[in-house]
Amino acid sequence: MISIRKIALRILEFIHTPLFSVRDSKSGAESSTKDMSSLKERSGQRRDKPSDKTSSALNRNKSVERLRQAAESGDAKAQFDLAFRYMMGFGVEQDIEEFVKWLRLAAQQGYVKAQYNYGCCFDQGYGVEQDKAEAAKWFRLAAEKGYAPAQFNLANCYYKGEGVSKDLEEALKWYRKAAKQHDESAIEVLKVLEQKL
């Protein structure tokens, strides 16, 4: 099963991924819009930097407050994003209870990534009591929406008989669905299982 730590690392990769990139008209090279100094140089625009860390912290607090407002108003994506801020301590004090609270709310609204991650919490006992049946339930909800990591984890549940009755045919069905979406783990598992069959 994929661990919460691996999920956190995937989230970190996402957070550090540029939102979009721009192409330099002279060189043709792409660069991230997060690289503001080179963007300013290319565009000839000047952008003042915050004079101290306090200004940056104020902006971060405003960003978290806007995210919290959206989450409190029922925005599932905002709830999911706020959950991971609490898990990682980005702009807020790290708080696993708050992480689980916001993740649960997003999952209950049907936000597929939240359903998958909530299942991971139950699978690993992260912030909740470990419950393999509850993990399988949440993996299934996300898997039925076509989310490949959830399909893979649900397949593992059936293969191992964790939270559901052991069922090789059902496991193969979900591994195949994940593999069709190019999930590398599912592809590798299928190779091994199909050689044994």
C-alpha atoms as a PDB file:
ATOM      1  CA  MET A   1       0.000   0.000   0.000  1.00  0.00           C
ATOM      2  CA  ILE A   2       1.140   3.540  -0.630  1.00  0.00           C
ATOM      3  CA  SER A   3       2.071   5.236   2.625  1.00  0.00           C
ATOM      4  CA  ILE A   4       1.125   8.699   3.841  1.00  0.00           C
ATOM      5  CA  ARG A   5       4.812   9.651   3.613  1.00  0.00           C
ATOM      6  CA  LYS A   6       4.857   8.787  -0.097  1.00  0.00           C
ATOM      7  CA  ILE A   7       1.663  10.774  -0.557  1.00  0.00           C
ATOM      8  CA  ALA A   8       3.224  13.734   1.215  1.00  0.00           C
ATOM      9  CA  LEU A   9       6.245  13.549  -1.067  1.00  0.00           C
ATOM     10  CA  ARG A  10       3.936  13.475  -4.112  1.00  0.00           C
ATOM     11  CA  ILE A  11       2.138  16.528  -2.753  1.00  0.00           C
ATOM     12  CA  LEU A  12       5.479  18.272  -2.252  1.00  0.00           C
ATOM     13  CA  GLU A  13       6.357  17.513  -5.877  1.00  0.00           C
ATOM     14  CA  PHE A  14       3.031  19.016  -6.927  1.00  0.00           C
ATOM     15  CA  ILE A  15       3.516  22.106  -4.776  1.00  0.00           C
ATOM     16  CA  HIS A  16       6.923  22.715  -6.317  1.00  0.00           C
ATOM     17  CA  THR A  17       5.673  22.166  -9.866  1.00  0.00           C
ATOM     18  CA  PRO A  18       5.288  25.430 -11.771  1.00  0.00           C
ATOM     19  CA  LEU A  19       1.693  26.465 -12.333  1.00  0.00           C
ATOM     20  CA  PHE A  20       2.545  27.195 -15.949  1.00  0.00           C
ATOM     21  CA  SER A  21       5.627  28.141 -17.872  1.00  0.00           C
ATOM     22  CA  VAL A  22       6.568  30.847 -20.313  1.00  0.00           C
ATOM     23  CA  ARG A  23       8.731  30.580 -23.374  1.00  0.00           C
ATOM     24  CA  ASP A  24      11.468  33.140 -23.894  1.00  0.00           C
ATOM     25  CA  SER A  25      10.888  34.611 -27.335  1.00  0.00           C
ATOM     26  CA  LYS A  26      14.633  35.080 -27.958  1.00  0.00           C
ATOM     27  CA  SER A  27      16.058  31.756 -26.793  1.00  0.00           C
ATOM     28  CA  GLY A  28      12.954  29.576 -26.981  1.00  0.00           C
ATOM     29  CA  ALA A  29      13.742  28.196 -23.523  1.00  0.00           C
ATOM     30  CA  GLU A  30      10.960  27.509 -21.082  1.00  0.00           C
ATOM     31  CA  SER A  31      11.062  28.726 -17.517  1.00  0.00           C
ATOM     32  CA  SER A  32       8.732  28.622 -14.570  1.00  0.00           C
ATOM     33  CA  THR A  33       6.617  31.636 -13.728  1.00  0.00           C
ATOM     34  CA  LYS A  34       7.843  31.094 -10.188  1.00  0.00           C
ATOM     35  CA  ASP A  35      11.258  32.306 -11.349  1.00  0.00           C
ATOM     36  CA  MET A  36      10.147  35.925 -11.109  1.00  0.00           C
ATOM     37  CA  SER A  37      13.591  37.527 -11.382  1.00  0.00           C
ATOM     38  CA  SER A  38      14.242  36.139 -14.860  1.00  0.00           C
ATOM     39  CA  LEU A  39      10.645  36.803 -15.879  1.00  0.00           C
ATOM     40  CA  LYS A  40      11.016  40.446 -14.821  1.00  0.00           C
ATOM     41  CA  GLU A  41      14.281  40.736 -16.740  1.00  0.00           C
ATOM     42  CA  ARG A  42      12.708  39.341 -19.918  1.00  0.00           C
ATOM     43  CA  SER A  43       9.608  41.497 -19.628  1.00  0.00           C
ATOM     44  CA  GLY A  44      11.463  44.625 -18.526  1.00  0.00           C
ATOM     45  CA  GLN A  45       9.055  45.030 -15.632  1.00  0.00           C
ATOM     46  CA  ARG A  46      10.170  45.821 -12.121  1.00  0.00           C
ATOM     47  CA  ARG A  47       8.522  44.123  -9.192  1.00  0.00           C
ATOM     48  CA  ASP A  48       9.375  45.206  -5.693  1.00  0.00           C
ATOM     49  CA  LYS A  49      10.389  42.473  -3.308  1.00  0.00           C
ATOM     50  CA  PRO A  50       9.062  42.343   0.228  1.00  0.00           C
ATOM     51  CA  SER A  51      11.422  44.310   2.443  1.00  0.00           C
ATOM     52  CA  ASP A  52      11.462  41.707   5.169  1.00  0.00           C
ATOM     53  CA  LYS A  53      10.197  38.277   6.177  1.00  0.00           C
ATOM     54  CA  THR A  54       7.202  39.819   7.950  1.00  0.00           C
ATOM     55  CA  SER A  55       5.683  40.954   4.666  1.00  0.00           C
ATOM     56  CA  SER A  56       6.071  37.464   3.231  1.00  0.00           C
ATOM     57  CA  ALA A  57       4.525  35.893   6.327  1.00  0.00           C
ATOM     58  CA  LEU A  58       1.567  38.291   6.132  1.00  0.00           C
ATOM     59  CA  ASN A  59       0.923  37.279   2.527  1.00  0.00           C
ATOM     60  CA  ARG A  60       1.140  33.606   3.475  1.00  0.00           C
ATOM     61  CA  ASN A  61      -1.321  34.160   6.345  1.00  0.00           C
ATOM     62  CA  LYS A  62      -3.754  35.919   3.997  1.00  0.00           C
ATOM     63  CA  SER A  63      -3.467  33.032   1.565  1.00  0.00           C
ATOM     64  CA  VAL A  64      -4.199  30.488   4.300  1.00  0.00           C
ATOM     65  CA  GLU A  65      -7.108  32.599   5.539  1.00  0.00           C
ATOM     66  CA  ARG A  66      -8.654  32.731   2.036  1.00  0.00           C
ATOM     67  CA  LEU A  67      -8.178  28.972   1.739  1.00  0.00           C
ATOM     68  CA  ARG A  68      -9.799  28.441   5.143  1.00  0.00           C
ATOM     69  CA  GLN A  69     -12.774  30.619   4.154  1.00  0.00           C
ATOM     70  CA  ALA A  70     -13.288  28.606   0.984  1.00  0.00           C
ATOM     71  CA  ALA A  71     -12.960  25.346   2.936  1.00  0.00           C
ATOM     72  CA  GLU A  72     -15.440  26.495   5.572  1.00  0.00           C
ATOM     73  CA  SER A  73     -17.903  27.456   2.835  1.00  0.00           C
ATOM     74  CA  GLY A  74     -17.819  23.847   1.585  1.00  0.00           C
ATOM     75  CA  ASP A  75     -15.293  23.961  -1.285  1.00  0.00           C
ATOM     76  CA  ALA A  76     -13.997  20.365  -1.390  1.00  0.00           C
ATOM     77  CA  LYS A  77     -10.733  21.225  -3.174  1.00  0.00           C
ATOM     78  CA  ALA A  78     -10.021  23.963  -0.628  1.00  0.00           C
ATOM     79  CA  GLN A  79     -10.749  21.482   2.170  1.00  0.00           C
ATOM     80  CA  PHE A  80      -8.307  19.023   0.604  1.00  0.00           C
ATOM     81  CA  ASP A  81      -5.623  21.700   0.144  1.00  0.00           C
ATOM     82  CA  LEU A  82      -6.079  22.944   3.706  1.00  0.00           C
ATOM     83  CA  ALA A  83      -5.840  19.373   5.005  1.00  0.00           C
ATOM     84  CA  PHE A  84      -2.424  18.938   3.438  1.00  0.00           C
ATOM     85  CA  ARG A  85      -1.241  22.283   4.735  1.00  0.00           C
ATOM     86  CA  TYR A  86      -2.037  20.982   8.211  1.00  0.00           C
ATOM     87  CA  MET A  87      -0.335  17.682   7.512  1.00  0.00           C
ATOM     88  CA  MET A  88       2.861  19.311   6.259  1.00  0.00           C
ATOM     89  CA  GLY A  89       2.795  22.496   8.361  1.00  0.00           C
ATOM     90  CA  PHE A  90       2.724  24.836   5.337  1.00  0.00           C
ATOM     91  CA  GLY A  91       1.552  28.245   6.521  1.00  0.00           C
ATOM     92  CA  VAL A  92      -0.096  26.686   9.575  1.00  0.00           C
ATOM     93  CA  GLU A  93       1.021  24.795  12.634  1.00  0.00           C
ATOM     94  CA  GLN A  94       1.282  21.087  11.785  1.00  0.00           C
ATOM     95  CA  ASP A  95      -1.843  19.447  13.219  1.00  0.00           C
ATOM     96  CA  ILE A  96      -2.823  15.880  12.326  1.00  0.00           C
ATOM     97  CA  GLU A  97      -6.322  16.228  13.837  1.00  0.00           C
ATOM     98  CA  GLU A  98      -7.037  19.235  11.612  1.00  0.00           C
ATOM     99  CA  PHE A  99      -5.548  17.341   8.662  1.00  0.00           C
ATOM    100  CA  VAL A 100      -7.950  14.434   9.190  1.00  0.00           C
ATOM    101  CA  LYS A 101     -10.909  16.761   9.822  1.00  0.00           C
ATOM    102  CA  TRP A 102     -10.507  18.653   6.526  1.00  0.00           C
ATOM    103  CA  LEU A 103      -9.589  15.529   4.580  1.00  0.00           C
ATOM    104  CA  ARG A 104     -12.723  13.767   5.849  1.00  0.00           C
ATOM    105  CA  LEU A 105     -14.932  16.695   4.840  1.00  0.00           C
ATOM    106  CA  ALA A 106     -13.501  16.741   1.318  1.00  0.00           C
ATOM    107  CA  ALA A 107     -13.771  12.956   1.035  1.00  0.00           C
ATOM    108  CA  GLN A 108     -17.392  12.992   2.163  1.00  0.00           C
ATOM    109  CA  GLN A 109     -18.143  15.458  -0.621  1.00  0.00           C
ATOM    110  CA  GLY A 110     -16.739  13.026  -3.164  1.00  0.00           C
ATOM    111  CA  TYR A 111     -13.411  14.728  -3.899  1.00  0.00           C
ATOM    112  CA  VAL A 112     -11.552  11.746  -5.359  1.00  0.00           C
ATOM    113  CA  LYS A 113      -8.037  12.570  -4.109  1.00  0.00           C
ATOM    114  CA  ALA A 114      -9.433  13.133  -0.628  1.00  0.00           C
ATOM    115  CA  GLN A 115     -11.275   9.804  -0.728  1.00  0.00           C
ATOM    116  CA  TYR A 116      -8.073   8.023  -1.718  1.00  0.00           C
ATOM    117  CA  ASN A 117      -5.971   9.759   0.926  1.00  0.00           C
ATOM    118  CA  TYR A 118      -8.607   9.228   3.601  1.00  0.00           C
ATOM    119  CA  GLY A 119      -8.434   5.540   2.731  1.00  0.00           C
ATOM    120  CA  CYS A 120      -4.658   5.691   3.160  1.00  0.00           C
ATOM    121  CA  CYS A 121      -5.158   7.178   6.632  1.00  0.00           C
ATOM    122  CA  PHE A 122      -7.322   4.214   7.649  1.00  0.00           C
ATOM    123  CA  ASP A 123      -4.969   1.754   5.967  1.00  0.00           C
ATOM    124  CA  GLN A 124      -1.952   3.055   7.863  1.00  0.00           C
ATOM    125  CA  GLY A 125      -3.662   4.260  11.055  1.00  0.00           C
ATOM    126  CA  TYR A 126      -2.498   7.813  10.364  1.00  0.00           C
ATOM    127  CA  GLY A 127      -4.529  10.244  12.471  1.00  0.00           C
ATOM    128  CA  VAL A 128      -7.298   7.664  12.817  1.00  0.00           C
ATOM    129  CA  GLU A 129      -7.569   4.185  14.251  1.00  0.00           C
ATOM    130  CA  GLN A 130      -6.330   1.666  11.700  1.00  0.00           C
ATOM    131  CA  ASP A 131      -9.317   0.055   9.981  1.00  0.00           C
ATOM    132  CA  LYS A 132      -8.674  -1.982   6.830  1.00  0.00           C
ATOM    133  CA  ALA A 133     -12.389  -2.290   6.003  1.00  0.00           C
ATOM    134  CA  GLU A 134     -12.819   1.484   6.168  1.00  0.00           C
ATOM    135  CA  ALA A 135      -9.691   1.896   4.037  1.00  0.00           C
ATOM    136  CA  ALA A 136     -11.104  -0.454   1.385  1.00  0.00           C
ATOM    137  CA  LYS A 137     -14.393   1.462   1.435  1.00  0.00           C
ATOM    138  CA  TRP A 138     -12.673   4.773   0.658  1.00  0.00           C
ATOM    139  CA  PHE A 139     -10.329   3.202  -1.899  1.00  0.00           C
ATOM    140  CA  ARG A 140     -13.398   1.756  -3.645  1.00  0.00           C
ATOM    141  CA  LEU A 141     -15.147   5.139  -3.800  1.00  0.00           C
ATOM    142  CA  ALA A 142     -12.119   6.723  -5.453  1.00  0.00           C
ATOM    143  CA  ALA A 143     -11.379   3.650  -7.612  1.00  0.00           C
ATOM    144  CA  GLU A 144     -14.898   3.632  -9.038  1.00  0.00           C
ATOM    145  CA  LYS A 145     -14.298   7.211 -10.196  1.00  0.00           C
ATOM    146  CA  GLY A 146     -11.257   6.009 -12.129  1.00  0.00           C
ATOM    147  CA  TYR A 147      -8.468   7.138  -9.792  1.00  0.00           C
ATOM    148  CA  ALA A 148      -5.567   4.801 -10.593  1.00  0.00           C
ATOM    149  CA  PRO A 149      -3.750   4.909  -7.205  1.00  0.00           C
ATOM    150  CA  ALA A 150      -7.030   3.961  -5.490  1.00  0.00           C
ATOM    151  CA  GLN A 151      -7.600   1.182  -8.025  1.00  0.00           C
ATOM    152  CA  PHE A 152      -4.151  -0.178  -7.238  1.00  0.00           C
ATOM    153  CA  ASN A 153      -4.699  -0.029  -3.471  1.00  0.00           C
ATOM    154  CA  LEU A 154      -8.148  -1.613  -3.767  1.00  0.00           C
ATOM    155  CA  ALA A 155      -6.594  -4.403  -5.850  1.00  0.00           C
ATOM    156  CA  ASN A 156      -4.052  -4.925  -3.064  1.00  0.00           C
ATOM    157  CA  CYS A 157      -6.896  -5.146  -0.541  1.00  0.00           C
ATOM    158  CA  TYR A 158      -8.520  -7.926  -2.569  1.00  0.00           C
ATOM    159  CA  TYR A 159      -5.220  -9.670  -3.210  1.00  0.00           C
ATOM    160  CA  LYS A 160      -4.279  -9.714   0.479  1.00  0.00           C
ATOM    161  CA  GLY A 161      -7.792 -10.004   1.883  1.00  0.00           C
ATOM    162  CA  GLU A 162      -7.398  -6.802   3.909  1.00  0.00           C
ATOM    163  CA  GLY A 163     -10.713  -5.141   4.714  1.00  0.00           C
ATOM    164  CA  VAL A 164     -12.470  -7.292   2.110  1.00  0.00           C
ATOM    165  CA  SER A 165     -12.669 -10.996   1.362  1.00  0.00           C
ATOM    166  CA  LYS A 166      -9.623 -12.292  -0.457  1.00  0.00           C
ATOM    167  CA  ASP A 167     -10.550 -12.463  -4.160  1.00  0.00           C
ATOM    168  CA  LEU A 168      -7.895 -12.921  -6.845  1.00  0.00           C
ATOM    169  CA  GLU A 169     -10.304 -12.230  -9.722  1.00  0.00           C
ATOM    170  CA  GLU A 170     -11.432  -8.948  -8.167  1.00  0.00           C
ATOM    171  CA  ALA A 171      -7.794  -8.027  -7.467  1.00  0.00           C
ATOM    172  CA  LEU A 172      -6.851  -8.674 -11.096  1.00  0.00           C
ATOM    173  CA  LYS A 173      -9.807  -6.604 -12.290  1.00  0.00           C
ATOM    174  CA  TRP A 174      -8.623  -3.554 -10.302  1.00  0.00           C
ATOM    175  CA  TYR A 175      -4.928  -4.058 -11.136  1.00  0.00           C
ATOM    176  CA  ARG A 176      -5.896  -4.112 -14.830  1.00  0.00           C
ATOM    177  CA  LYS A 177      -7.933  -0.907 -14.497  1.00  0.00           C
ATOM    178  CA  ALA A 178      -4.981   0.840 -12.856  1.00  0.00           C
ATOM    179  CA  ALA A 179      -2.545  -0.576 -15.416  1.00  0.00           C
ATOM    180  CA  LYS A 180      -4.705   0.756 -18.272  1.00  0.00           C
ATOM    181  CA  GLN A 181      -3.988   4.188 -16.830  1.00  0.00           C
ATOM    182  CA  HIS A 182      -0.251   3.479 -16.889  1.00  0.00           C
ATOM    183  CA  ASP A 183       0.098   2.948 -13.150  1.00  0.00           C
ATOM    184  CA  GLU A 184       3.618   1.500 -13.030  1.00  0.00           C
ATOM    185  CA  SER A 185       3.064  -0.451  -9.819  1.00  0.00           C
ATOM    186  CA  ALA A 186      -0.042  -2.122 -11.236  1.00  0.00           C
ATOM    187  CA  ILE A 187       1.787  -2.985 -14.452  1.00  0.00           C
ATOM    188  CA  GLU A 188       4.610  -4.633 -12.493  1.00  0.00           C
ATOM    189  CA  VAL A 189       2.250  -6.567 -10.220  1.00  0.00           C
ATOM    190  CA  LEU A 190       0.240  -7.792 -13.219  1.00  0.00           C
ATOM    191  CA  LYS A 191       3.398  -9.070 -14.918  1.00  0.00           C
ATOM    192  CA  VAL A 192       4.242 -11.137 -11.862  1.00  0.00           C
ATOM    193  CA  LEU A 193       0.712 -12.387 -11.246  1.00  0.00           C
ATOM    194  CA  GLU A 194       0.075 -13.308 -14.870  1.00  0.00           C
ATOM    195  CA  GLN A 195       3.298 -15.357 -14.953  1.00  0.00           C
ATOM    196  CA  LYS A 196       2.053 -17.309 -11.922  1.00  0.00           C
ATOM    197  CA  LEU A 197      -1.391 -17.983 -13.432  1.00  0.00           C
END
